Protein backbone atom coordinates (compact mmCIF):
# COMPACT_ATOMS: atom_id res chain seq x y z
CA UNK A 1 16.52 -44.34 73.58
CA UNK A 2 19.44 -45.41 75.74
CA UNK A 3 19.95 -43.73 78.90
CA UNK A 4 23.16 -41.87 79.14
CA UNK A 5 23.99 -39.82 82.24
CA UNK A 6 23.82 -36.53 82.30
CA UNK A 7 27.27 -36.14 83.88
CA UNK A 8 28.81 -38.12 81.17
CA UNK A 9 31.82 -36.56 79.44
CA UNK A 10 30.25 -37.31 76.28
CA UNK A 11 26.85 -36.42 76.56
CA UNK A 12 25.97 -34.01 74.07
CA UNK A 13 27.68 -36.08 71.32
CA UNK A 14 25.59 -39.22 72.73
CA UNK A 15 22.30 -37.80 73.00
CA UNK A 16 22.92 -36.33 69.06
CA UNK A 17 23.91 -40.00 68.02
CA UNK A 18 21.01 -41.81 69.50
CA UNK A 19 18.55 -39.08 68.08
CA UNK A 20 20.07 -40.17 64.77
CA UNK A 21 19.43 -43.92 65.24
CA UNK A 22 16.35 -43.44 66.50
CA UNK A 23 15.49 -41.44 63.65
CA UNK A 24 16.37 -44.47 61.14
CA UNK A 25 14.02 -46.75 63.26
CA UNK A 26 11.32 -44.58 62.86
CA UNK A 27 11.92 -44.13 59.59
CA UNK A 28 13.26 -40.64 58.60
CA UNK A 29 16.76 -40.70 58.83
CA UNK A 30 18.36 -42.39 56.26
CA UNK A 31 21.75 -44.96 57.00
CA UNK A 32 23.32 -42.57 55.09
CA UNK A 33 22.73 -39.88 57.36
CA UNK A 34 24.61 -42.21 60.18
CA UNK A 35 27.58 -41.57 58.22
CA UNK A 36 26.73 -37.59 57.81
CA UNK A 37 26.34 -37.37 61.19
CA UNK A 38 29.77 -39.07 62.34
CA UNK A 39 31.51 -36.89 59.45
CA UNK A 40 29.66 -33.53 61.30
CA UNK A 41 31.00 -34.60 64.45
CA UNK A 42 34.77 -35.11 63.47
CA UNK A 43 34.73 -31.50 62.56
CA UNK A 44 32.93 -30.49 65.43
CA UNK A 45 35.87 -31.81 67.84
CA UNK A 46 37.64 -30.11 65.10
CA UNK A 47 36.10 -26.75 66.63
CA UNK A 48 35.97 -27.58 70.18
CA UNK A 49 32.39 -28.29 70.11
CA UNK A 50 31.51 -24.88 70.24
CA UNK A 51 30.15 -21.39 68.74
CA UNK A 52 32.99 -19.62 67.10
CA UNK A 53 32.59 -16.20 66.50
CA UNK A 54 32.66 -16.02 63.57
CA UNK A 55 29.96 -18.71 63.31
CA UNK A 56 27.90 -16.23 65.63
CA UNK A 57 28.38 -13.53 63.34
CA UNK A 58 27.11 -15.46 60.28
CA UNK A 59 24.15 -16.92 62.25
CA UNK A 60 23.20 -12.94 63.07
CA UNK A 61 23.26 -12.29 59.16
CA UNK A 62 20.98 -15.68 58.68
CA UNK A 63 18.51 -14.08 60.98
CA UNK A 64 18.60 -10.80 58.77
CA UNK A 65 18.41 -12.28 55.63
CA UNK A 66 15.17 -14.42 56.90
CA UNK A 67 13.71 -11.49 58.51
CA UNK A 68 14.04 -9.76 55.29
CA UNK A 69 13.16 -12.37 52.74
CA UNK A 70 9.75 -12.31 50.54
CA UNK A 71 9.54 -16.10 50.40
CA UNK A 72 11.85 -17.88 53.19
CA UNK A 73 11.59 -21.17 53.16
CA UNK A 74 13.73 -23.85 55.38
CA UNK A 75 15.05 -26.78 53.85
CA UNK A 76 14.44 -30.29 56.23
CA UNK A 77 15.85 -33.36 55.47
CA UNK A 78 15.63 -36.43 57.71
CA UNK A 79 18.65 -35.75 59.99
CA UNK A 80 17.78 -32.05 60.97
CA UNK A 81 13.93 -33.75 61.63
CA UNK A 82 15.28 -36.41 64.08
CA UNK A 83 17.97 -33.84 65.75
CA UNK A 84 16.41 -30.30 65.65
CA UNK A 85 12.23 -30.74 65.15
CA UNK A 86 11.28 -28.41 67.30
CA UNK A 87 13.71 -25.87 66.85
CA UNK A 88 13.19 -25.77 63.34
CA UNK A 89 9.79 -25.40 63.71
CA UNK A 90 10.11 -22.33 66.46
CA UNK A 91 12.77 -20.88 63.73
CA UNK A 92 9.61 -21.52 60.78
CA UNK A 93 7.26 -19.95 63.00
CA UNK A 94 9.35 -16.80 64.47
CA UNK A 95 10.88 -15.69 61.14
CA UNK A 96 7.62 -16.56 58.91
CA UNK A 97 9.59 -18.99 56.56
CA UNK A 98 7.95 -21.95 55.41
CA UNK A 99 9.07 -25.91 56.00
CA UNK A 100 9.65 -27.66 52.98
CA UNK A 101 11.14 -31.76 53.24
CA UNK A 102 13.69 -31.92 50.71
CA UNK A 103 15.37 -35.69 50.25
CA UNK A 104 18.19 -36.95 48.64
CA UNK A 105 17.02 -40.74 49.65
CA UNK A 106 13.35 -39.39 48.72
CA UNK A 107 10.45 -41.46 48.88
CA UNK A 108 7.07 -40.92 49.30
CA UNK A 109 7.01 -42.78 52.52
CA UNK A 110 9.47 -40.84 54.02
CA UNK A 111 8.12 -37.60 53.13
CA UNK A 112 5.18 -38.15 54.91
CA UNK A 113 6.82 -39.56 58.08
CA UNK A 114 9.26 -36.52 58.42
CA UNK A 115 6.05 -34.13 57.81
CA UNK A 116 3.81 -35.51 60.53
CA UNK A 117 7.12 -35.52 62.54
CA UNK A 118 7.04 -31.95 62.60
CA UNK A 119 3.59 -31.27 62.50
CA UNK A 120 3.87 -33.86 66.44
CA UNK A 121 6.30 -30.66 67.23
CA UNK A 122 3.87 -27.83 66.24
CA UNK A 123 4.31 -27.61 62.61
CA UNK A 124 0.91 -26.48 60.72
CA UNK A 125 1.37 -26.87 57.04
CA UNK A 126 4.86 -28.61 55.62
CA UNK A 127 5.73 -28.48 52.00
CA UNK A 128 7.24 -31.30 50.22
CA UNK A 129 4.95 -33.64 49.50
CA UNK A 130 3.55 -32.37 46.07
CA UNK A 131 6.85 -31.91 44.40
CA UNK A 132 5.18 -30.31 41.32
CA UNK A 133 9.04 -28.02 40.47
CA UNK A 134 12.24 -29.45 39.66
CA UNK A 135 15.44 -28.14 39.92
CA UNK A 136 18.20 -28.79 37.21
CA UNK A 137 19.74 -31.64 39.20
CA UNK A 138 19.99 -35.09 37.98
CA UNK A 139 19.11 -36.36 41.25
CA UNK A 140 15.43 -36.78 43.91
CA UNK A 141 17.09 -33.08 45.81
CA UNK A 142 16.22 -31.78 42.71
CA UNK A 143 12.63 -32.56 43.38
CA UNK A 144 11.01 -29.49 45.31
CA UNK A 145 7.75 -27.37 45.57
CA UNK A 146 6.61 -24.79 43.39
CA UNK A 147 5.73 -22.79 46.06
CA UNK A 148 8.08 -23.66 48.64
CA UNK A 149 11.94 -23.93 47.54
CA UNK A 150 11.90 -23.22 43.99
CA UNK A 151 10.20 -19.85 44.07
CA UNK A 152 12.00 -18.59 47.56
CA UNK A 153 13.99 -15.98 47.87
CA UNK A 154 16.31 -17.45 50.88
CA UNK A 155 16.79 -20.69 51.44
CA UNK A 156 18.50 -22.10 54.78
CA UNK A 157 20.17 -25.63 54.13
CA UNK A 158 20.75 -27.20 57.13
CA UNK A 159 23.48 -29.37 56.77
CA UNK A 160 25.68 -30.45 53.62
CA UNK A 161 24.15 -30.33 50.48
CA UNK A 162 27.10 -29.41 47.80
CA UNK A 163 25.07 -29.56 44.61
CA UNK A 164 21.40 -28.13 45.65
CA UNK A 165 23.46 -25.41 47.11
CA UNK A 166 25.30 -24.20 44.14
CA UNK A 167 22.12 -24.70 41.65
CA UNK A 168 20.28 -22.50 44.04
CA UNK A 169 22.89 -19.94 43.95
CA UNK A 170 22.66 -20.25 40.21
CA UNK A 171 19.20 -19.88 40.33
CA UNK A 172 19.80 -16.20 42.51
CA UNK A 173 18.56 -17.46 45.64
CA UNK A 174 20.39 -16.50 48.62
CA UNK A 175 21.50 -19.75 50.29
CA UNK A 176 22.17 -20.07 53.98
CA UNK A 177 24.57 -23.31 54.72
CA UNK A 178 24.94 -24.97 58.20
CA UNK A 179 27.84 -26.69 57.98
CA UNK A 180 30.78 -27.93 60.13
CA UNK A 181 33.08 -28.28 57.25
CA UNK A 182 34.70 -25.06 56.30
CA UNK A 183 35.47 -26.58 53.23
CA UNK A 184 32.48 -28.30 51.88
CA UNK A 185 31.00 -27.65 48.45
CA UNK A 186 28.14 -26.06 50.56
CA UNK A 187 30.08 -23.85 52.58
CA UNK A 188 32.11 -22.76 49.70
CA UNK A 189 29.30 -22.06 47.23
CA UNK A 190 26.80 -20.42 50.37
CA UNK A 191 25.74 -16.99 50.29
CA UNK A 192 26.13 -17.20 53.98
CA UNK A 193 28.19 -20.10 55.97
CA UNK A 194 27.09 -21.04 59.62
CA UNK A 195 29.95 -23.36 60.33
CA UNK A 196 28.51 -24.59 63.68
CA UNK A 197 26.97 -27.95 65.01
CA UNK A 198 22.76 -27.61 63.84
CA UNK A 199 21.82 -27.80 67.69
CA UNK A 200 23.73 -24.64 68.52
CA UNK A 201 23.20 -22.87 65.53
CA UNK A 202 18.82 -23.20 65.25
CA UNK A 203 19.31 -22.34 68.79
CA UNK A 204 21.33 -19.38 68.99
CA UNK A 205 19.55 -18.04 65.20
CA UNK A 206 15.95 -18.36 67.73
CA UNK A 207 17.67 -16.20 70.29
CA UNK A 208 19.00 -13.50 67.70
CA UNK A 209 15.41 -13.76 66.10
CA UNK A 210 13.35 -12.31 68.86
CA UNK A 211 16.48 -10.09 69.41
CA UNK A 212 16.74 -8.60 65.78
CA UNK A 213 12.72 -8.24 64.85
CA UNK A 214 12.34 -5.17 66.41
CA UNK A 215 15.45 -3.50 63.82
CA UNK A 216 14.13 -1.94 60.72
CA UNK A 217 14.88 -3.24 57.32
CA UNK A 218 17.18 -0.53 57.78
CA UNK A 219 19.44 -1.69 60.26
CA UNK A 220 18.86 -5.98 58.82
CA UNK A 221 20.04 -4.86 55.79
CA UNK A 222 23.05 -3.32 57.42
CA UNK A 223 23.90 -6.46 59.04
CA UNK A 224 23.79 -7.83 55.42
CA UNK A 225 25.75 -5.39 53.78
CA UNK A 226 28.43 -5.61 56.47
CA UNK A 227 29.16 -9.50 55.99
CA UNK A 228 31.71 -11.19 54.37
CA UNK A 229 31.32 -15.21 53.63
CA UNK A 230 35.05 -16.01 52.68
CA UNK A 231 36.30 -14.11 56.20
CA UNK A 232 33.64 -16.27 57.95
CA UNK A 233 34.87 -19.36 56.20
CA UNK A 234 38.92 -18.14 56.58
CA UNK A 235 38.16 -17.17 60.67
CA UNK A 236 36.42 -21.03 60.94
CA UNK A 237 40.11 -22.71 59.55
CA UNK A 238 41.85 -20.43 61.91
CA UNK A 239 40.15 -21.28 64.85
CA UNK A 240 40.39 -25.18 64.15
CA UNK A 241 44.14 -24.41 63.78
CA UNK A 242 44.29 -22.76 67.05
CA UNK A 243 42.20 -25.32 68.64
CA UNK A 244 44.38 -28.07 67.62
CA UNK A 245 47.58 -25.87 68.70
CA UNK A 246 45.97 -25.18 71.78
CA UNK A 247 45.09 -29.00 72.74
CA UNK A 248 49.25 -30.08 71.04
CA UNK A 249 50.21 -27.24 73.91
CA UNK A 250 48.15 -28.80 76.79
CA UNK A 251 49.33 -32.65 75.81
CA UNK A 252 52.91 -31.55 75.14
CA UNK A 253 53.08 -32.15 71.88
CA UNK A 254 55.36 -30.20 69.82
CA UNK A 255 53.17 -28.22 66.79
CA UNK A 256 54.45 -28.55 63.26
C-alpha cells in the first residue's frame, strides 16, 4: 500500500482507495468495484463525509432487526471484504449473524479468496461456496447458499445491490442496505436504508450492538416499530441539500 501521511487532508479517503486497489491486486475485488467505490465517494462528499443524524437512526434500527432476527445474514462482496473485513466479522460475532459471500462477478476462485480473507480476520464459518440455492435473478448474484441468504429472515446488504435487494424484499425478508446514494434502487427498495459510508456505518453498528444487546425483545421491537424509512431517505436528501447550501455560502456562491 502506498504510504499516505496521516496529516494529509484526504487521508481517510485515500486510504479507502488504496484498500480497494489492494483488493483488486489480491483478487478479491473486481475492477468494476473501483468504479462503484468512486461513485460512493462522490455521494460521501455530498453529505459532508460524516454520519448524518438519520443514518445513525437507521443504524440503530438495523441493529435492532439483527438482534431480534432468527436467521440473520450479512452479505459480503469484494469491496466490503477489502474495506472492512474485521468490522464484518465483529458485527457478525456480536449479533449472531452468518457471513455469506455473494458476488455479481462470481468465480469459485474469488469466492474462496474472500472466504480465506475473512477467516484471516477472525471469521469462523463463512458461507457462499456451496451455491445450492438460487434467487429468481438472471445473473450470478442469484446464486446463494440455502442455509444462508436463501432462508434468512434479515439480510444486511452493504453497498449498492438494487435488483437483489428488490428480490429479497419480495421474498418477505427484512433487507438492511448501506448505500450512500439515497435515490438508488437499493435505497428505495430496502426495509432499512443507511445512507452512510460503510466504514463508518459498520463501526457505528458494532457500537450500537454493544449498547442494545442488553435490551429486551420488547424494547428492540419498539425501536423497529417507530422507524420510517421514507422519512430517513427524505432526511438524507435534505442533509445533502443543506450541506451544499452551506458550502456555497462559505465560498460566496449564490444558491439557486
